[in-house]
Each structure stands twice: as C-alpha cells, then as structure tokens.
Amino acid sequence: MMPVVIVLLLALLLFGLGFAVKVLWWFAIAVAVIWLLGFLVRPGDGRWYRW
C-alpha cells in the first residue's frame, strides 16, 4: 500500500511542477515581449521606464 501512495504523491508532485514551470515560461515570454516593445516605442530620452 505504501509504494502506491508514494507513486501517487510523486505523480501529483510532478504534475504540479510541470504546470508551474509552464506558467513561469509564459510569464517569462510576456516579460521579454514587453521589454523588447519598450525599446521599439521608447521616448526621446532613451528610457521608457523609471526604475
């Protein structure tokens, strides 16, 4: 019984990790696109952000 529980927990952990990694990839792509768009539509002073 214990090996079945361990395998099920491992499968659940890997599924959750895969979903989290996929979400993080989409977030990273969105940030990269916004960053690149900032270079294309920047104002005259050369910086579109005030960090």
PDB file of N, CA and C in Angstrom:
ATOM      1  N   MET A   1       0.821  -1.201   0.000  1.00  0.00           N
ATOM      2  CA  MET A   1       0.000   0.000   0.000  1.00  0.00           C
ATOM      3  C   MET A   1       0.865   1.265   0.000  1.00  0.00           C
ATOM      4  N   MET A   2       1.939   1.246   0.747  1.00  0.00           N
ATOM      5  CA  MET A   2       2.796   2.422   0.837  1.00  0.00           C
ATOM      6  C   MET A   2       3.459   2.762  -0.501  1.00  0.00           C
ATOM      7  N   PRO A   3       3.957   1.794  -1.298  1.00  0.00           N
ATOM      8  CA  PRO A   3       4.537   2.164  -2.600  1.00  0.00           C
ATOM      9  C   PRO A   3       3.516   2.835  -3.536  1.00  0.00           C
ATOM     10  N   VAL A   4       2.258   2.404  -3.461  1.00  0.00           N
ATOM     11  CA  VAL A   4       1.233   3.017  -4.303  1.00  0.00           C
ATOM     12  C   VAL A   4       1.023   4.475  -3.897  1.00  0.00           C
ATOM     13  N   VAL A   5       0.987   4.745  -2.604  1.00  0.00           N
ATOM     14  CA  VAL A   5       0.817   6.109  -2.116  1.00  0.00           C
ATOM     15  C   VAL A   5       2.011   6.968  -2.526  1.00  0.00           C
ATOM     16  N   ILE A   6       3.208   6.417  -2.433  1.00  0.00           N
ATOM     17  CA  ILE A   6       4.414   7.160  -2.817  1.00  0.00           C
ATOM     18  C   ILE A   6       4.395   7.481  -4.304  1.00  0.00           C
ATOM     19  N   VAL A   7       4.001   6.520  -5.133  1.00  0.00           N
ATOM     20  CA  VAL A   7       3.939   6.751  -6.571  1.00  0.00           C
ATOM     21  C   VAL A   7       2.876   7.798  -6.901  1.00  0.00           C
ATOM     22  N   LEU A   8       1.731   7.739  -6.245  1.00  0.00           N
ATOM     23  CA  LEU A   8       0.683   8.724  -6.487  1.00  0.00           C
ATOM     24  C   LEU A   8       1.120  10.126  -6.058  1.00  0.00           C
ATOM     25  N   LEU A   9       1.786  10.225  -4.920  1.00  0.00           N
ATOM     26  CA  LEU A   9       2.294  11.525  -4.473  1.00  0.00           C
ATOM     27  C   LEU A   9       3.355  12.068  -5.425  1.00  0.00           C
ATOM     28  N   LEU A  10       4.208  11.194  -5.917  1.00  0.00           N
ATOM     29  CA  LEU A  10       5.237  11.607  -6.870  1.00  0.00           C
ATOM     30  C   LEU A  10       4.605  12.090  -8.174  1.00  0.00           C
ATOM     31  N   ALA A  11       3.596  11.377  -8.650  1.00  0.00           N
ATOM     32  CA  ALA A  11       2.904  11.792  -9.869  1.00  0.00           C
ATOM     33  C   ALA A  11       2.225  13.139  -9.674  1.00  0.00           C
ATOM     34  N   LEU A  12       1.598  13.336  -8.524  1.00  0.00           N
ATOM     35  CA  LEU A  12       0.945  14.612  -8.235  1.00  0.00           C
ATOM     36  C   LEU A  12       1.964  15.744  -8.155  1.00  0.00           C
ATOM     37  N   LEU A  13       3.095  15.490  -7.528  1.00  0.00           N
ATOM     38  CA  LEU A  13       4.149  16.492  -7.425  1.00  0.00           C
ATOM     39  C   LEU A  13       4.696  16.862  -8.800  1.00  0.00           C
ATOM     40  N   LEU A  14       4.953  15.865  -9.637  1.00  0.00           N
ATOM     41  CA  LEU A  14       5.489  16.138 -10.968  1.00  0.00           C
ATOM     42  C   LEU A  14       4.472  16.871 -11.838  1.00  0.00           C
ATOM     43  N   PHE A  15       3.192  16.536 -11.702  1.00  0.00           N
ATOM     44  CA  PHE A  15       2.156  17.248 -12.461  1.00  0.00           C
ATOM     45  C   PHE A  15       2.095  18.712 -12.031  1.00  0.00           C
ATOM     46  N   GLY A  16       2.126  18.961 -10.734  1.00  0.00           N
ATOM     47  CA  GLY A  16       2.105  20.332 -10.231  1.00  0.00           C
ATOM     48  C   GLY A  16       3.334  21.106 -10.650  1.00  0.00           C
ATOM     49  N   LEU A  17       4.486  20.464 -10.606  1.00  0.00           N
ATOM     50  CA  LEU A  17       5.730  21.115 -11.012  1.00  0.00           C
ATOM     51  C   LEU A  17       5.708  21.438 -12.499  1.00  0.00           C
ATOM     52  N   GLY A  18       5.210  20.525 -13.305  1.00  0.00           N
ATOM     53  CA  GLY A  18       5.121  20.769 -14.746  1.00  0.00           C
ATOM     54  C   GLY A  18       4.201  21.928 -15.059  1.00  0.00           C
ATOM     55  N   PHE A  19       3.073  22.014 -14.354  1.00  0.00           N
ATOM     56  CA  PHE A  19       2.145  23.127 -14.566  1.00  0.00           C
ATOM     57  C   PHE A  19       2.786  24.444 -14.158  1.00  0.00           C
ATOM     58  N   ALA A  20       3.485  24.464 -13.021  1.00  0.00           N
ATOM     59  CA  ALA A  20       4.132  25.687 -12.540  1.00  0.00           C
ATOM     60  C   ALA A  20       5.222  26.145 -13.506  1.00  0.00           C
ATOM     61  N   VAL A  21       5.998  25.200 -14.027  1.00  0.00           N
ATOM     62  CA  VAL A  21       7.071  25.555 -14.960  1.00  0.00           C
ATOM     63  C   VAL A  21       6.484  26.119 -16.249  1.00  0.00           C
ATOM     64  N   LYS A  22       5.364  25.526 -16.710  1.00  0.00           N
ATOM     65  CA  LYS A  22       4.729  26.027 -17.931  1.00  0.00           C
ATOM     66  C   LYS A  22       4.225  27.451 -17.716  1.00  0.00           C
ATOM     67  N   VAL A  23       3.621  27.725 -16.566  1.00  0.00           N
ATOM     68  CA  VAL A  23       3.144  29.077 -16.266  1.00  0.00           C
ATOM     69  C   VAL A  23       4.320  30.047 -16.193  1.00  0.00           C
ATOM     70  N   LEU A  24       5.420  29.630 -15.584  1.00  0.00           N
ATOM     71  CA  LEU A  24       6.587  30.509 -15.485  1.00  0.00           C
ATOM     72  C   LEU A  24       7.190  30.806 -16.852  1.00  0.00           C
ATOM     73  N   TRP A  25       7.167  29.823 -17.763  1.00  0.00           N
ATOM     74  CA  TRP A  25       7.660  30.056 -19.113  1.00  0.00           C
ATOM     75  C   TRP A  25       6.816  31.112 -19.816  1.00  0.00           C
ATOM     76  N   TRP A  26       5.476  31.017 -19.682  1.00  0.00           N
ATOM     77  CA  TRP A  26       4.605  32.015 -20.307  1.00  0.00           C
ATOM     78  C   TRP A  26       4.840  33.396 -19.702  1.00  0.00           C
ATOM     79  N   PHE A  27       5.059  33.451 -18.389  1.00  0.00           N
ATOM     80  CA  PHE A  27       5.341  34.722 -17.727  1.00  0.00           C
ATOM     81  C   PHE A  27       6.654  35.312 -18.235  1.00  0.00           C
ATOM     82  N   ALA A  28       7.672  34.474 -18.388  1.00  0.00           N
ATOM     83  CA  ALA A  28       8.964  34.945 -18.883  1.00  0.00           C
ATOM     84  C   ALA A  28       8.859  35.449 -20.316  1.00  0.00           C
ATOM     85  N   ILE A  29       8.075  34.780 -21.139  1.00  0.00           N
ATOM     86  CA  ILE A  29       7.887  35.219 -22.529  1.00  0.00           C
ATOM     87  C   ILE A  29       7.173  36.570 -22.554  1.00  0.00           C
ATOM     88  N   ALA A  30       6.156  36.733 -21.707  1.00  0.00           N
ATOM     89  CA  ALA A  30       5.425  38.004 -21.661  1.00  0.00           C
ATOM     90  C   ALA A  30       6.353  39.138 -21.227  1.00  0.00           C
ATOM     91  N   VAL A  31       7.178  38.916 -20.229  1.00  0.00           N
ATOM     92  CA  VAL A  31       8.109  39.950 -19.764  1.00  0.00           C
ATOM     93  C   VAL A  31       9.108  40.295 -20.862  1.00  0.00           C
ATOM     94  N   ALA A  32       9.599  39.294 -21.580  1.00  0.00           N
ATOM     95  CA  ALA A  32      10.562  39.549 -22.655  1.00  0.00           C
ATOM     96  C   ALA A  32       9.925  40.360 -23.780  1.00  0.00           C
ATOM     97  N   VAL A  33       8.665  40.070 -24.119  1.00  0.00           N
ATOM     98  CA  VAL A  33       7.982  40.818 -25.175  1.00  0.00           C
ATOM     99  C   VAL A  33       7.775  42.270 -24.747  1.00  0.00           C
ATOM    100  N   ILE A  34       7.356  42.484 -23.509  1.00  0.00           N
ATOM    101  CA  ILE A  34       7.164  43.853 -23.014  1.00  0.00           C
ATOM    102  C   ILE A  34       8.489  44.609 -22.998  1.00  0.00           C
ATOM    103  N   TRP A  35       9.548  43.925 -22.612  1.00  0.00           N
ATOM    104  CA  TRP A  35      10.871  44.549 -22.571  1.00  0.00           C
ATOM    105  C   TRP A  35      11.323  44.948 -23.972  1.00  0.00           C
ATOM    106  N   LEU A  36      11.117  44.060 -24.953  1.00  0.00           N
ATOM    107  CA  LEU A  36      11.509  44.368 -26.328  1.00  0.00           C
ATOM    108  C   LEU A  36      10.641  45.476 -26.926  1.00  0.00           C
ATOM    109  N   LEU A  37       9.355  45.476 -26.599  1.00  0.00           N
ATOM    110  CA  LEU A  37       8.483  46.558 -27.078  1.00  0.00           C
ATOM    111  C   LEU A  37       8.908  47.908 -26.492  1.00  0.00           C
ATOM    112  N   GLY A  38       9.452  47.880 -25.302  1.00  0.00           N
ATOM    113  CA  GLY A  38       9.937  49.111 -24.688  1.00  0.00           C
ATOM    114  C   GLY A  38      11.057  49.757 -25.486  1.00  0.00           C
ATOM    115  N   PHE A  39      11.877  48.943 -26.137  1.00  0.00           N
ATOM    116  CA  PHE A  39      12.932  49.508 -26.970  1.00  0.00           C
ATOM    117  C   PHE A  39      12.371  50.082 -28.267  1.00  0.00           C
ATOM    118  N   LEU A  40      11.270  49.513 -28.762  1.00  0.00           N
ATOM    119  CA  LEU A  40      10.711  49.993 -30.023  1.00  0.00           C
ATOM    120  C   LEU A  40       9.906  51.270 -29.865  1.00  0.00           C
ATOM    121  N   VAL A  41       9.263  51.453 -28.722  1.00  0.00           N
ATOM    122  CA  VAL A  41       8.387  52.618 -28.536  1.00  0.00           C
ATOM    123  C   VAL A  41       8.910  53.546 -27.450  1.00  0.00           C
ATOM    124  N   ARG A  42      10.201  53.605 -27.316  1.00  0.00           N
ATOM    125  CA  ARG A  42      10.766  54.451 -26.257  1.00  0.00           C
ATOM    126  C   ARG A  42      10.697  55.928 -26.647  1.00  0.00           C
ATOM    127  N   PRO A  43      10.559  56.800 -25.648  1.00  0.00           N
ATOM    128  CA  PRO A  43      10.526  58.245 -25.922  1.00  0.00           C
ATOM    129  C   PRO A  43      11.923  58.784 -26.254  1.00  0.00           C
ATOM    130  N   GLY A  44      12.006  60.068 -26.401  1.00  0.00           N
ATOM    131  CA  GLY A  44      13.245  60.708 -26.835  1.00  0.00           C
ATOM    132  C   GLY A  44      14.422  60.547 -25.898  1.00  0.00           C
ATOM    133  N   ASP A  45      14.184  60.411 -24.598  1.00  0.00           N
ATOM    134  CA  ASP A  45      15.318  60.329 -23.673  1.00  0.00           C
ATOM    135  C   ASP A  45      15.957  58.944 -23.654  1.00  0.00           C
ATOM    136  N   GLY A  46      15.378  57.988 -24.358  1.00  0.00           N
ATOM    137  CA  GLY A  46      16.001  56.673 -24.464  1.00  0.00           C
ATOM    138  C   GLY A  46      15.554  55.660 -23.427  1.00  0.00           C
ATOM    139  N   ARG A  47      14.775  56.100 -22.444  1.00  0.00           N
ATOM    140  CA  ARG A  47      14.305  55.146 -21.432  1.00  0.00           C
ATOM    141  C   ARG A  47      12.802  55.250 -21.310  1.00  0.00           C
ATOM    142  N   TRP A  48      12.116  54.126 -21.363  1.00  0.00           N
ATOM    143  CA  TRP A  48      10.659  54.118 -21.269  1.00  0.00           C
ATOM    144  C   TRP A  48      10.179  53.742 -19.890  1.00  0.00           C
ATOM    145  N   TYR A  49      11.096  53.439 -18.996  1.00  0.00           N
ATOM    146  CA  TYR A  49      10.737  53.101 -17.634  1.00  0.00           C
ATOM    147  C   TYR A  49      11.507  54.011 -16.677  1.00  0.00           C
ATOM    148  N   ARG A  50      11.054  54.115 -15.470  1.00  0.00           N
ATOM    149  CA  ARG A  50      11.715  54.989 -14.471  1.00  0.00           C
ATOM    150  C   ARG A  50      12.131  54.179 -13.264  1.00  0.00           C
ATOM    151  N   TRP A  51      13.020  53.219 -13.463  1.00  0.00           N
ATOM    152  CA  TRP A  51      13.486  52.375 -12.350  1.00  0.00           C
ATOM    153  C   TRP A  51      14.759  52.941 -11.787  1.00  0.00           C
TER     154      TRP A  51
END
